[in-house]
Amino acid sequence: MAFSEKLSDRIREALSDLDDVTEKYMFGGMCFMVHGKMCIGVMGDEMMCRIGEENDEAATERPGCRAMMMGGKQMKGYVLVGEAGVKTKKEFQYWIDLCLEFNPKAKASKKRKSVD
């Protein structure tokens, strides 16, 4: 699955002043890890935002936002935001800020043991 390089570049630029940001290809898209935790990403032409369950309901009421589904199940605490929700700098920055605000509260995934 291809993903929007333009949206990925916008996110990269928004995170450029932060320490400890890494990029990983996952879910067929690009994920930006902040302090070792999944924070923001791009899936197709949508922005994947990790915002925490407490923000799900209010977030999905915003233009261009919908719940993130994987395997037919809702991924609580994650939303996808389409172009309609990130057209302006202010709208785009809202999602960046919401993700970064949640990041310190997010649990890091467990490191997988490598098999030698």
N, C-alpha and C. Protein backbone atom coordinates (compact mmCIF):
# COMPACT_ATOMS: atom_id res chain seq x y z
N MET A 1 0.85 -1.19 0.00
CA MET A 1 0.00 0.00 0.00
C MET A 1 0.89 1.24 0.00
N ALA A 2 0.67 2.10 -0.93
CA ALA A 2 1.42 3.35 -1.00
C ALA A 2 0.85 4.32 0.03
N PHE A 3 1.68 5.26 0.44
CA PHE A 3 1.21 6.27 1.38
C PHE A 3 1.63 7.64 0.88
N SER A 4 0.96 8.66 1.36
CA SER A 4 1.20 10.03 0.92
C SER A 4 2.55 10.55 1.42
N GLU A 5 3.47 10.72 0.49
CA GLU A 5 4.78 11.29 0.83
C GLU A 5 4.63 12.75 1.26
N LYS A 6 3.68 13.45 0.65
CA LYS A 6 3.43 14.86 0.98
C LYS A 6 3.01 14.99 2.44
N LEU A 7 2.07 14.16 2.88
CA LEU A 7 1.62 14.19 4.27
C LEU A 7 2.74 13.76 5.20
N SER A 8 3.49 12.76 4.80
CA SER A 8 4.64 12.31 5.59
C SER A 8 5.66 13.44 5.77
N ASP A 9 5.91 14.18 4.72
CA ASP A 9 6.84 15.32 4.80
C ASP A 9 6.32 16.41 5.73
N ARG A 10 5.01 16.66 5.70
CA ARG A 10 4.41 17.67 6.60
C ARG A 10 4.61 17.26 8.06
N ILE A 11 4.40 15.98 8.35
CA ILE A 11 4.57 15.49 9.72
C ILE A 11 6.04 15.56 10.12
N ARG A 12 6.91 15.12 9.24
CA ARG A 12 8.36 15.16 9.51
C ARG A 12 8.80 16.58 9.87
N GLU A 13 8.32 17.55 9.10
CA GLU A 13 8.66 18.97 9.35
C GLU A 13 8.11 19.42 10.71
N ALA A 14 6.88 19.02 11.03
CA ALA A 14 6.26 19.41 12.30
C ALA A 14 7.01 18.84 13.50
N LEU A 15 7.67 17.69 13.32
CA LEU A 15 8.38 17.03 14.42
C LEU A 15 9.88 17.33 14.42
N SER A 16 10.34 18.14 13.49
CA SER A 16 11.78 18.34 13.28
C SER A 16 12.51 18.94 14.48
N ASP A 17 11.83 19.67 15.33
CA ASP A 17 12.48 20.29 16.49
C ASP A 17 12.52 19.37 17.72
N LEU A 18 11.93 18.20 17.63
CA LEU A 18 11.87 17.28 18.77
C LEU A 18 13.07 16.34 18.78
N ASP A 19 13.47 15.94 19.97
CA ASP A 19 14.49 14.91 20.13
C ASP A 19 13.80 13.55 20.10
N ASP A 20 14.54 12.53 19.78
CA ASP A 20 14.09 11.14 19.85
C ASP A 20 12.87 10.84 18.98
N VAL A 21 12.94 11.22 17.71
CA VAL A 21 11.92 10.88 16.74
C VAL A 21 12.54 9.93 15.73
N THR A 22 11.89 8.79 15.53
CA THR A 22 12.37 7.85 14.52
C THR A 22 11.21 7.51 13.59
N GLU A 23 11.55 7.08 12.40
CA GLU A 23 10.55 6.71 11.42
C GLU A 23 10.62 5.21 11.15
N LYS A 24 9.45 4.59 11.05
CA LYS A 24 9.38 3.16 10.76
C LYS A 24 8.28 2.92 9.74
N TYR A 25 8.55 2.00 8.82
CA TYR A 25 7.51 1.57 7.90
C TYR A 25 6.70 0.49 8.61
N MET A 26 5.41 0.70 8.71
CA MET A 26 4.52 -0.31 9.30
C MET A 26 3.10 -0.10 8.82
N PHE A 27 2.31 -1.15 8.88
CA PHE A 27 0.92 -1.12 8.43
C PHE A 27 0.81 -0.64 6.99
N GLY A 28 1.84 -0.83 6.19
CA GLY A 28 1.81 -0.38 4.81
C GLY A 28 1.97 1.12 4.67
N GLY A 29 2.42 1.76 5.72
CA GLY A 29 2.60 3.21 5.69
C GLY A 29 3.83 3.61 6.48
N MET A 30 3.86 4.86 6.92
CA MET A 30 4.97 5.40 7.67
C MET A 30 4.49 5.75 9.08
N CYS A 31 5.29 5.39 10.07
CA CYS A 31 4.97 5.71 11.46
C CYS A 31 6.10 6.53 12.06
N PHE A 32 5.75 7.56 12.77
CA PHE A 32 6.72 8.39 13.48
C PHE A 32 6.65 8.01 14.96
N MET A 33 7.76 7.51 15.45
CA MET A 33 7.88 7.11 16.84
C MET A 33 8.49 8.28 17.62
N VAL A 34 7.88 8.65 18.73
CA VAL A 34 8.41 9.71 19.58
C VAL A 34 8.71 9.07 20.93
N HIS A 35 9.97 9.18 21.35
CA HIS A 35 10.43 8.55 22.59
C HIS A 35 10.14 7.05 22.59
N GLY A 36 10.33 6.43 21.44
CA GLY A 36 10.16 4.98 21.32
C GLY A 36 8.72 4.50 21.27
N LYS A 37 7.76 5.42 21.16
CA LYS A 37 6.35 5.04 21.14
C LYS A 37 5.67 5.54 19.87
N MET A 38 4.80 4.70 19.31
CA MET A 38 4.04 5.09 18.13
C MET A 38 3.26 6.36 18.45
N CYS A 39 3.39 7.37 17.60
CA CYS A 39 2.76 8.65 17.88
C CYS A 39 1.86 9.12 16.74
N ILE A 40 2.43 9.25 15.55
CA ILE A 40 1.72 9.78 14.39
C ILE A 40 2.17 8.97 13.18
N GLY A 41 1.29 8.82 12.23
CA GLY A 41 1.70 8.09 11.03
C GLY A 41 0.89 8.47 9.82
N VAL A 42 1.20 7.82 8.73
CA VAL A 42 0.48 8.02 7.48
C VAL A 42 0.09 6.65 6.95
N MET A 43 -1.19 6.47 6.72
CA MET A 43 -1.72 5.25 6.12
C MET A 43 -2.50 5.68 4.89
N GLY A 44 -2.02 5.30 3.73
CA GLY A 44 -2.65 5.76 2.50
C GLY A 44 -2.50 7.27 2.40
N ASP A 45 -3.63 7.96 2.33
CA ASP A 45 -3.59 9.42 2.28
C ASP A 45 -4.17 10.04 3.56
N GLU A 46 -4.21 9.24 4.63
CA GLU A 46 -4.74 9.72 5.90
C GLU A 46 -3.65 9.78 6.97
N MET A 47 -3.85 10.68 7.91
CA MET A 47 -2.95 10.82 9.04
C MET A 47 -3.46 9.92 10.16
N MET A 48 -2.60 9.01 10.65
CA MET A 48 -2.94 8.13 11.75
C MET A 48 -2.48 8.82 13.03
N CYS A 49 -3.41 9.04 13.95
CA CYS A 49 -3.11 9.78 15.17
C CYS A 49 -3.37 8.91 16.40
N ARG A 50 -2.36 8.80 17.25
CA ARG A 50 -2.53 8.09 18.52
C ARG A 50 -2.85 9.16 19.57
N ILE A 51 -4.12 9.17 19.99
CA ILE A 51 -4.61 10.27 20.82
C ILE A 51 -5.12 9.83 22.18
N GLY A 52 -5.22 8.54 22.43
CA GLY A 52 -5.74 8.04 23.70
C GLY A 52 -7.25 7.88 23.65
N GLU A 53 -7.72 6.84 24.32
CA GLU A 53 -9.16 6.52 24.31
C GLU A 53 -10.03 7.67 24.79
N GLU A 54 -9.53 8.44 25.75
CA GLU A 54 -10.33 9.52 26.31
C GLU A 54 -10.64 10.61 25.28
N ASN A 55 -9.91 10.64 24.19
CA ASN A 55 -10.12 11.66 23.15
C ASN A 55 -10.87 11.14 21.93
N ASP A 56 -11.16 9.83 21.89
CA ASP A 56 -11.79 9.22 20.71
C ASP A 56 -13.09 9.91 20.29
N GLU A 57 -14.01 10.05 21.22
CA GLU A 57 -15.35 10.55 20.87
C GLU A 57 -15.30 11.97 20.33
N ALA A 58 -14.61 12.86 21.03
CA ALA A 58 -14.53 14.25 20.58
C ALA A 58 -13.80 14.36 19.25
N ALA A 59 -12.78 13.54 19.07
CA ALA A 59 -11.98 13.60 17.84
C ALA A 59 -12.81 13.20 16.62
N THR A 60 -13.60 12.14 16.75
CA THR A 60 -14.35 11.65 15.59
C THR A 60 -15.48 12.59 15.20
N GLU A 61 -15.77 13.60 16.01
CA GLU A 61 -16.77 14.61 15.66
C GLU A 61 -16.16 15.71 14.80
N ARG A 62 -14.83 15.75 14.70
CA ARG A 62 -14.16 16.77 13.90
C ARG A 62 -14.19 16.39 12.41
N PRO A 63 -14.17 17.40 11.54
CA PRO A 63 -14.20 17.11 10.09
C PRO A 63 -13.04 16.23 9.65
N GLY A 64 -13.34 15.28 8.79
CA GLY A 64 -12.31 14.42 8.21
C GLY A 64 -11.77 13.33 9.09
N CYS A 65 -12.30 13.18 10.30
CA CYS A 65 -11.78 12.21 11.25
C CYS A 65 -12.72 11.01 11.38
N ARG A 66 -12.10 9.83 11.49
CA ARG A 66 -12.89 8.62 11.70
C ARG A 66 -12.10 7.66 12.59
N ALA A 67 -12.81 6.74 13.19
CA ALA A 67 -12.16 5.73 14.04
C ALA A 67 -11.24 4.87 13.17
N MET A 68 -10.14 4.43 13.74
CA MET A 68 -9.22 3.55 13.03
C MET A 68 -9.66 2.11 13.25
N MET A 69 -9.79 1.37 12.15
CA MET A 69 -10.21 -0.02 12.21
C MET A 69 -9.08 -0.90 11.69
N MET A 70 -8.87 -2.04 12.35
CA MET A 70 -7.90 -3.04 11.87
C MET A 70 -8.54 -4.40 12.07
N GLY A 71 -8.60 -5.16 11.03
CA GLY A 71 -9.20 -6.49 11.11
C GLY A 71 -10.64 -6.46 11.56
N GLY A 72 -11.37 -5.40 11.21
CA GLY A 72 -12.78 -5.28 11.58
C GLY A 72 -13.02 -4.80 13.01
N LYS A 73 -11.95 -4.50 13.74
CA LYS A 73 -12.09 -4.02 15.12
C LYS A 73 -11.57 -2.60 15.24
N GLN A 74 -12.27 -1.81 16.06
CA GLN A 74 -11.83 -0.44 16.29
C GLN A 74 -10.57 -0.44 17.15
N MET A 75 -9.59 0.32 16.73
CA MET A 75 -8.36 0.50 17.50
C MET A 75 -8.59 1.69 18.43
N LYS A 76 -8.94 1.40 19.66
CA LYS A 76 -9.25 2.47 20.61
C LYS A 76 -8.01 3.32 20.86
N GLY A 77 -8.23 4.62 20.86
CA GLY A 77 -7.13 5.56 21.10
C GLY A 77 -6.42 5.99 19.83
N TYR A 78 -6.87 5.47 18.69
CA TYR A 78 -6.29 5.82 17.39
C TYR A 78 -7.40 6.31 16.46
N VAL A 79 -7.10 7.33 15.67
CA VAL A 79 -8.03 7.80 14.66
C VAL A 79 -7.27 8.04 13.35
N LEU A 80 -8.03 8.08 12.27
CA LEU A 80 -7.48 8.43 10.96
C LEU A 80 -8.11 9.76 10.55
N VAL A 81 -7.27 10.66 10.06
CA VAL A 81 -7.74 11.98 9.67
C VAL A 81 -7.43 12.18 8.19
N GLY A 82 -8.48 12.40 7.42
CA GLY A 82 -8.33 12.62 5.99
C GLY A 82 -7.99 14.06 5.67
N GLU A 83 -7.83 14.32 4.39
CA GLU A 83 -7.43 15.65 3.92
C GLU A 83 -8.35 16.76 4.41
N ALA A 84 -9.64 16.48 4.52
CA ALA A 84 -10.60 17.50 4.98
C ALA A 84 -10.30 17.98 6.40
N GLY A 85 -9.59 17.15 7.17
CA GLY A 85 -9.29 17.52 8.55
C GLY A 85 -7.93 18.16 8.77
N VAL A 86 -7.11 18.23 7.70
CA VAL A 86 -5.75 18.78 7.86
C VAL A 86 -5.41 19.79 6.77
N LYS A 87 -6.42 20.43 6.19
CA LYS A 87 -6.19 21.37 5.09
C LYS A 87 -5.37 22.59 5.53
N THR A 88 -5.75 23.18 6.65
CA THR A 88 -5.06 24.39 7.10
C THR A 88 -3.94 24.04 8.07
N LYS A 89 -3.00 24.96 8.25
CA LYS A 89 -1.92 24.75 9.22
C LYS A 89 -2.50 24.58 10.62
N LYS A 90 -3.54 25.35 10.94
CA LYS A 90 -4.15 25.27 12.27
C LYS A 90 -4.78 23.89 12.51
N GLU A 91 -5.49 23.38 11.52
CA GLU A 91 -6.11 22.05 11.65
C GLU A 91 -5.05 20.97 11.78
N PHE A 92 -4.04 21.05 10.93
CA PHE A 92 -2.94 20.08 10.95
C PHE A 92 -2.23 20.11 12.31
N GLN A 93 -1.93 21.32 12.81
CA GLN A 93 -1.22 21.45 14.07
C GLN A 93 -2.05 20.94 15.25
N TYR A 94 -3.38 21.06 15.16
CA TYR A 94 -4.26 20.53 16.21
C TYR A 94 -3.97 19.04 16.42
N TRP A 95 -3.89 18.28 15.33
CA TRP A 95 -3.67 16.83 15.43
C TRP A 95 -2.26 16.51 15.91
N ILE A 96 -1.27 17.25 15.44
CA ILE A 96 0.11 17.05 15.89
C ILE A 96 0.17 17.28 17.40
N ASP A 97 -0.41 18.38 17.86
CA ASP A 97 -0.38 18.70 19.29
C ASP A 97 -1.12 17.66 20.13
N LEU A 98 -2.26 17.18 19.65
CA LEU A 98 -3.02 16.18 20.38
C LEU A 98 -2.22 14.88 20.53
N CYS A 99 -1.55 14.48 19.46
CA CYS A 99 -0.72 13.27 19.52
C CYS A 99 0.46 13.45 20.47
N LEU A 100 1.12 14.59 20.39
CA LEU A 100 2.28 14.84 21.25
C LEU A 100 1.87 14.99 22.72
N GLU A 101 0.68 15.51 22.95
CA GLU A 101 0.16 15.63 24.32
C GLU A 101 -0.09 14.26 24.93
N PHE A 102 -0.57 13.33 24.12
CA PHE A 102 -0.84 11.99 24.62
C PHE A 102 0.43 11.15 24.76
N ASN A 103 1.44 11.40 23.96
CA ASN A 103 2.63 10.56 23.90
C ASN A 103 3.25 10.22 25.26
N PRO A 104 3.42 11.17 26.18
CA PRO A 104 4.02 10.80 27.48
C PRO A 104 3.17 9.80 28.27
N LYS A 105 1.86 9.77 28.02
CA LYS A 105 0.96 8.86 28.73
C LYS A 105 0.87 7.49 28.05
N ALA A 106 1.29 7.43 26.79
CA ALA A 106 1.18 6.19 26.01
C ALA A 106 2.14 5.14 26.53
N LYS A 107 1.70 3.90 26.46
CA LYS A 107 2.57 2.79 26.84
C LYS A 107 3.39 2.38 25.63
N ALA A 108 4.65 2.13 25.87
CA ALA A 108 5.51 1.63 24.80
C ALA A 108 5.22 0.16 24.59
N SER A 109 5.29 -0.29 23.35
CA SER A 109 5.08 -1.72 23.11
C SER A 109 6.28 -2.48 23.64
N LYS A 110 6.02 -3.73 24.03
CA LYS A 110 7.09 -4.56 24.56
C LYS A 110 8.05 -4.90 23.46
N LYS A 111 9.33 -4.87 23.79
CA LYS A 111 10.37 -5.22 22.82
C LYS A 111 10.34 -6.72 22.60
N ARG A 112 10.38 -7.12 21.35
CA ARG A 112 10.39 -8.54 21.03
C ARG A 112 11.80 -9.07 21.18
N LYS A 113 11.88 -10.26 21.74
CA LYS A 113 13.19 -10.91 21.89
C LYS A 113 13.62 -11.43 20.53
N SER A 114 14.84 -11.18 20.18
CA SER A 114 15.32 -11.68 18.90
C SER A 114 15.74 -13.14 19.07
N VAL A 115 15.47 -13.90 18.04
CA VAL A 115 15.81 -15.32 18.05
C VAL A 115 17.12 -15.47 17.29
N ASP A 116 18.14 -15.95 17.98
CA ASP A 116 19.44 -16.12 17.34
C ASP A 116 19.63 -17.54 16.87
